[in-house]
Amino acid sequence: MRSEDCIRSCCEYVDEQFRAYFAEESGVIRKNIVDNRVHCCLYFIPGHCHSLRPVDVEFMLSIHEKVNVIPIISKADMLTEKEKARVKQRIKDSIKEHEIKVYQLPDCDSDEDEDFKQQDKELKSCLPFAVVGSNTILEVNGKKMRGRQYDWGLVEVDNPAHSDFTKLRNMLISTHMHDLKEVTEDVHYENFRTQLISKISQQAFKDRGKLKRDSIPKLPPALDETDILLIQKEEEIRRMQDVLVQMQEKLKTNNEKSNHNLYLAAQKSLENESKKMDNVINV
């Protein structure tokens, strides 16, 4: 699948959940509304890339107005501590350069306890999170843990010294879950809702205008000068034809020479008018 198709599919899925929630919210019965809106998008960046790729920038710019985007460096065990710090800084610089709106951790209130403030400070210093994943359960010194076993040593998924996984998990399901939902409700969904209502209003206005136009009786098109002149000439020729018919009837009953001459003069006049009419049509 091409990257454009993947990006479009993700954006359409987020919009579909917003649209379904809007339909439930706008209904008569609004109890027990199921909220399937997407509150967070975890975007994984391969650790070996050392920065954002063009496809990463394209995707995040396409979706950052719809959902809370949290960039994550995957396979962080491929990097040394110095490399990890360097990659994080490059990603931050690239995000700022391309004006990508990623999820921002809110500042602590002044009345928060010192432990929470310290935890919040550590979370912000870890962004973007660099994680290691594994489904393998290893047993070391009688203790079971998820991790990766290499020839040079063991990488523990839940060890903060090896991976930011535990910090990411705590942020998502504990400390910042409510804030993620609030940002979705107050910012992303509200933007979608405003745009959708605007489209519905514009469509209703167009339909109402079309209905009014259809209800107005259609008038015949306006005639130009040539059409008016042709109509006048046709009327004049029709009258002269009527005169000729009457004169023919008289000639049948009266063969006087004067009537015959009058008939010839009228016929010649009719021919002249026909020529004038032909000239008007040719023009």
Protein backbone atom coordinates (compact mmCIF):
# COMPACT_ATOMS: atom_id res chain seq x y z
CA MET A 1 0.00 0.00 0.00
CA ARG A 2 1.31 3.44 -0.90
CA SER A 3 2.00 6.00 1.81
CA GLU A 4 -0.75 8.26 0.42
CA ASP A 5 -3.30 5.46 0.85
CA CYS A 6 -2.15 4.78 4.41
CA ILE A 7 -2.37 8.45 5.35
CA ARG A 8 -5.84 8.79 3.81
CA SER A 9 -7.07 5.64 5.58
CA CYS A 10 -5.89 6.89 8.98
CA CYS A 11 -7.42 10.34 8.50
CA GLU A 12 -10.71 8.87 7.28
CA TYR A 13 -10.87 6.54 10.28
CA VAL A 14 -10.45 9.43 12.74
CA ASP A 15 -13.12 11.44 10.88
CA GLU A 16 -15.50 8.46 10.88
CA GLN A 17 -15.29 8.19 14.67
CA PHE A 18 -15.91 11.93 15.02
CA ARG A 19 -18.85 11.69 12.62
CA ALA A 20 -20.38 8.75 14.50
CA TYR A 21 -20.05 10.60 17.81
CA PHE A 22 -21.61 13.71 16.26
CA ALA A 23 -24.59 11.66 15.05
CA GLU A 24 -25.09 10.19 18.53
CA GLU A 25 -24.66 13.58 20.18
CA SER A 26 -27.18 15.22 17.82
CA GLY A 27 -29.85 12.56 18.34
CA VAL A 28 -32.99 12.87 20.43
CA ILE A 29 -31.84 10.25 22.93
CA ARG A 30 -28.35 11.14 24.12
CA LYS A 31 -27.93 8.73 26.99
CA ASN A 32 -25.16 6.14 27.04
CA ILE A 33 -23.32 7.60 24.04
CA VAL A 34 -20.46 5.33 23.00
CA ASP A 35 -17.28 7.37 22.58
CA ASN A 36 -14.97 5.73 20.05
CA ARG A 37 -13.13 8.92 19.17
CA VAL A 38 -9.37 8.59 18.76
CA HIS A 39 -7.73 10.45 21.64
CA CYS A 40 -4.12 9.68 20.81
CA CYS A 41 -1.94 8.66 17.87
CA LEU A 42 1.36 6.97 18.70
CA TYR A 43 3.60 7.60 15.71
CA PHE A 44 6.65 5.34 15.62
CA ILE A 45 9.86 6.57 14.02
CA PRO A 46 12.51 3.93 13.27
CA GLY A 47 15.58 4.49 15.40
CA HIS A 48 17.97 3.87 12.50
CA CYS A 49 16.58 6.89 10.59
CA HIS A 50 18.12 9.35 13.08
CA SER A 51 15.52 12.01 12.13
CA LEU A 52 12.12 12.52 10.50
CA ARG A 53 11.72 11.19 6.97
CA PRO A 54 9.58 13.02 4.37
CA VAL A 55 6.82 10.43 4.83
CA ASP A 56 6.88 11.06 8.60
CA VAL A 57 6.47 14.79 8.07
CA GLU A 58 3.68 14.24 5.53
CA PHE A 59 1.74 11.91 7.81
CA MET A 60 1.97 14.03 10.94
CA LEU A 61 1.03 17.20 9.06
CA SER A 62 -2.01 15.38 7.66
CA ILE A 63 -3.31 14.22 11.02
CA HIS A 64 -2.00 16.65 13.66
CA GLU A 65 -5.18 18.79 13.43
CA LYS A 66 -7.37 15.74 14.08
CA VAL A 67 -5.74 13.90 16.98
CA ASN A 68 -3.09 14.16 19.68
CA VAL A 69 0.14 13.00 18.05
CA ILE A 70 2.89 11.51 20.23
CA PRO A 71 6.11 10.71 18.33
CA ILE A 72 7.99 7.63 19.53
CA ILE A 73 11.41 6.30 18.59
CA SER A 74 11.13 2.55 18.06
CA LYS A 75 13.86 -0.08 18.46
CA ALA A 76 15.81 2.21 20.75
CA ASP A 77 18.13 -0.67 21.69
CA MET A 78 19.86 -0.04 18.36
CA LEU A 79 21.18 3.28 19.70
CA THR A 80 23.76 4.17 22.29
CA GLU A 81 22.86 6.74 24.93
CA LYS A 82 24.66 9.50 23.02
CA GLU A 83 23.02 8.48 19.74
CA LYS A 84 19.62 8.37 21.43
CA ALA A 85 20.00 11.91 22.77
CA ARG A 86 21.17 13.13 19.37
CA VAL A 87 18.24 11.51 17.54
CA LYS A 88 15.73 12.96 20.00
CA GLN A 89 17.11 16.45 19.46
CA ARG A 90 17.04 16.08 15.67
CA ILE A 91 13.42 14.96 15.78
CA LYS A 92 12.50 17.91 18.00
CA ASP A 93 14.23 20.31 15.60
CA SER A 94 12.47 18.77 12.60
CA ILE A 95 9.07 18.99 14.33
CA LYS A 96 9.68 22.65 15.05
CA GLU A 97 10.96 23.34 11.54
CA HIS A 98 7.89 21.84 9.85
CA GLU A 99 5.49 23.32 12.44
CA ILE A 100 4.05 19.94 13.37
CA LYS A 101 1.61 20.11 16.27
CA VAL A 102 2.43 17.25 18.61
CA TYR A 103 0.82 16.68 21.99
CA GLN A 104 2.23 19.06 24.58
CA LEU A 105 2.34 17.97 28.20
CA PRO A 106 0.51 20.59 30.30
CA ASP A 107 2.36 22.56 32.94
CA CYS A 108 1.90 21.54 36.55
CA ASP A 109 -0.25 23.61 38.85
CA SER A 110 1.55 25.56 41.53
CA ASP A 111 -0.18 23.57 44.28
CA GLU A 112 1.00 20.18 42.98
CA ASP A 113 3.31 18.17 45.24
CA GLU A 114 7.01 18.03 44.52
CA ASP A 115 6.99 14.35 43.53
CA PHE A 116 4.46 14.99 40.77
CA LYS A 117 6.40 18.03 39.56
CA GLN A 118 9.57 15.95 39.38
CA GLN A 119 7.74 13.19 37.50
CA ASP A 120 6.34 15.73 35.04
CA LYS A 121 9.80 17.20 34.52
CA GLU A 122 11.25 13.76 33.75
CA LEU A 123 8.45 13.03 31.28
CA LYS A 124 9.07 16.25 29.37
CA SER A 125 12.81 15.60 29.26
CA CYS A 126 12.18 12.17 27.67
CA LEU A 127 10.21 13.48 24.70
CA PRO A 128 10.12 11.99 22.17
CA PHE A 129 9.96 8.65 23.96
CA ALA A 130 12.48 6.00 22.91
CA VAL A 131 11.11 2.52 23.56
CA VAL A 132 12.02 -1.13 23.22
CA GLY A 133 9.35 -3.76 22.66
CA SER A 134 9.32 -7.51 23.16
CA ASN A 135 6.85 -10.35 23.68
CA THR A 136 9.53 -12.67 25.01
CA ILE A 137 9.46 -13.49 28.74
CA LEU A 138 12.95 -14.03 30.09
CA GLU A 139 13.95 -15.32 33.52
CA VAL A 140 17.01 -13.75 35.09
CA ASN A 141 18.09 -14.62 38.64
CA GLY A 142 14.68 -16.11 39.32
CA LYS A 143 12.87 -12.98 38.13
CA LYS A 144 10.67 -13.00 35.02
CA MET A 145 10.75 -10.00 32.73
CA ARG A 146 10.02 -8.98 29.16
CA GLY A 147 13.12 -8.21 27.20
CA ARG A 148 15.58 -9.02 24.46
CA GLN A 149 18.63 -11.21 24.92
CA TYR A 150 21.71 -10.28 22.90
CA ASP A 151 25.24 -11.65 22.90
CA TRP A 152 26.42 -8.47 24.54
CA GLY A 153 23.72 -8.39 27.22
CA LEU A 154 20.04 -8.12 28.16
CA VAL A 155 17.63 -5.29 27.30
CA GLU A 156 14.69 -5.00 29.70
CA VAL A 157 11.50 -3.45 28.34
CA ASP A 158 10.33 -2.19 31.74
CA ASN A 159 13.71 -0.90 32.88
CA PRO A 160 13.74 2.95 32.73
CA ALA A 161 17.50 2.82 32.15
CA HIS A 162 16.95 0.81 28.96
CA SER A 163 13.64 2.15 27.61
CA ASP A 164 11.06 4.92 28.10
CA PHE A 165 8.26 2.36 27.86
CA THR A 166 7.13 2.60 31.51
CA LYS A 167 7.03 6.41 31.34
CA LEU A 168 4.98 6.27 28.16
CA ARG A 169 2.59 3.72 29.67
CA ASN A 170 2.09 5.74 32.84
CA MET A 171 1.47 8.90 30.86
CA LEU A 172 -1.18 7.28 28.63
CA ILE A 173 -3.20 5.33 31.19
CA SER A 174 -2.53 7.23 34.39
CA THR A 175 -1.21 10.77 34.63
CA HIS A 176 -2.37 12.33 31.33
CA MET A 177 -5.30 10.24 30.11
CA HIS A 178 -7.84 12.84 31.22
CA ASP A 179 -5.91 15.67 29.57
CA LEU A 180 -5.69 13.74 26.28
CA LYS A 181 -9.48 13.37 26.29
CA GLU A 182 -9.98 17.03 27.14
CA VAL A 183 -7.79 18.17 24.25
CA THR A 184 -9.71 15.87 21.92
CA GLU A 185 -13.05 17.25 23.14
CA ASP A 186 -12.14 20.93 23.31
CA VAL A 187 -9.83 21.22 20.30
CA HIS A 188 -9.88 18.42 17.73
CA TYR A 189 -13.52 17.36 17.95
CA GLU A 190 -14.72 20.95 18.27
CA ASN A 191 -12.84 21.87 15.07
CA PHE A 192 -14.38 18.90 13.27
CA ARG A 193 -17.85 19.72 14.62
CA THR A 194 -17.60 23.37 13.54
CA GLN A 195 -16.50 22.44 10.03
CA LEU A 196 -19.22 19.80 9.69
CA ILE A 197 -21.99 22.16 10.84
CA SER A 198 -20.68 24.80 8.43
CA LYS A 199 -20.83 22.32 5.52
CA ILE A 200 -24.36 21.24 6.48
CA SER A 201 -25.49 24.88 6.66
CA GLN A 202 -23.96 25.74 3.29
CA GLN A 203 -25.58 22.71 1.65
CA ALA A 204 -28.96 23.59 3.17
CA PHE A 205 -28.61 27.16 1.89
CA LYS A 206 -27.81 25.91 -1.63
CA ASP A 207 -30.77 23.51 -1.60
CA ARG A 208 -33.11 26.26 -0.41
CA GLY A 209 -31.86 28.62 -3.13
CA LYS A 210 -32.31 25.92 -5.78
CA LEU A 211 -35.86 25.26 -4.56
CA LYS A 212 -36.71 28.96 -4.86
CA ARG A 213 -35.27 29.15 -8.36
CA ASP A 214 -37.23 26.09 -9.47
CA SER A 215 -40.49 27.54 -8.09
CA ILE A 216 -40.20 30.75 -10.16
CA PRO A 217 -41.92 30.43 -13.59
CA LYS A 218 -39.44 30.58 -16.41
CA LEU A 219 -39.84 33.62 -18.69
CA PRO A 220 -39.23 33.43 -22.44
CA PRO A 221 -35.80 34.62 -23.48
CA ALA A 222 -35.46 38.27 -24.44
CA LEU A 223 -35.59 39.05 -28.18
CA ASP A 224 -32.83 40.99 -29.86
CA GLU A 225 -33.34 43.63 -32.59
CA THR A 226 -32.91 41.13 -35.44
CA ASP A 227 -35.62 38.84 -34.07
CA ILE A 228 -38.02 41.76 -33.65
CA LEU A 229 -37.35 42.96 -37.21
CA LEU A 230 -37.95 39.47 -38.62
CA ILE A 231 -41.26 39.19 -36.78
CA GLN A 232 -42.39 42.57 -38.14
CA LYS A 233 -41.43 41.61 -41.70
CA GLU A 234 -43.24 38.28 -41.42
CA GLU A 235 -46.40 40.06 -40.28
CA GLU A 236 -46.15 42.54 -43.16
CA ILE A 237 -45.64 39.78 -45.75
CA ARG A 238 -48.57 37.85 -44.29
CA ARG A 239 -50.83 40.89 -44.71
CA MET A 240 -49.69 41.42 -48.30
CA GLN A 241 -50.32 37.75 -49.07
CA ASP A 242 -53.86 38.16 -47.79
CA VAL A 243 -54.30 41.19 -50.10
CA LEU A 244 -53.03 39.18 -53.10
CA VAL A 245 -55.46 36.37 -52.36
CA GLN A 246 -58.33 38.85 -52.29
CA MET A 247 -57.21 40.44 -55.56
CA GLN A 248 -56.94 37.04 -57.24
CA GLU A 249 -60.54 36.39 -56.31
CA LYS A 250 -61.54 39.70 -57.86
CA LEU A 251 -59.63 38.93 -61.08
CA LYS A 252 -61.50 35.69 -61.48
CA THR A 253 -64.78 37.56 -61.54
CA ASN A 254 -63.55 40.74 -63.24
CA ASN A 255 -60.89 40.72 -65.99
CA GLU A 256 -60.44 44.41 -66.10
CA LYS A 257 -56.93 45.52 -67.02
CA SER A 258 -56.63 47.96 -64.12
CA ASN A 259 -57.20 45.23 -61.57
CA HIS A 260 -54.61 43.03 -63.28
CA ASN A 261 -52.02 45.81 -63.17
CA LEU A 262 -52.78 46.38 -59.50
CA TYR A 263 -52.23 42.68 -58.82
CA LEU A 264 -48.85 42.71 -60.58
CA ALA A 265 -47.75 45.75 -58.56
CA ALA A 266 -48.73 44.10 -55.28
CA GLN A 267 -46.92 40.88 -56.25
CA LYS A 268 -43.74 42.83 -57.05
CA SER A 269 -43.96 44.59 -53.68
CA LEU A 270 -44.28 41.23 -51.97
CA GLU A 271 -41.15 39.95 -53.74
CA ASN A 272 -39.21 43.03 -52.63
CA GLU A 273 -40.22 42.49 -49.00
CA SER A 274 -39.15 38.85 -49.21
CA LYS A 275 -35.71 39.90 -50.47
CA LYS A 276 -35.37 42.36 -47.56
CA MET A 277 -36.25 39.62 -45.13
CA ASP A 278 -33.60 37.33 -46.66
CA ASN A 279 -31.02 40.09 -46.23
CA VAL A 280 -31.93 40.43 -42.54
CA ILE A 281 -31.55 36.68 -42.01
CA ASN A 282 -28.16 36.63 -43.76
CA VAL A 283 -26.95 39.46 -41.53
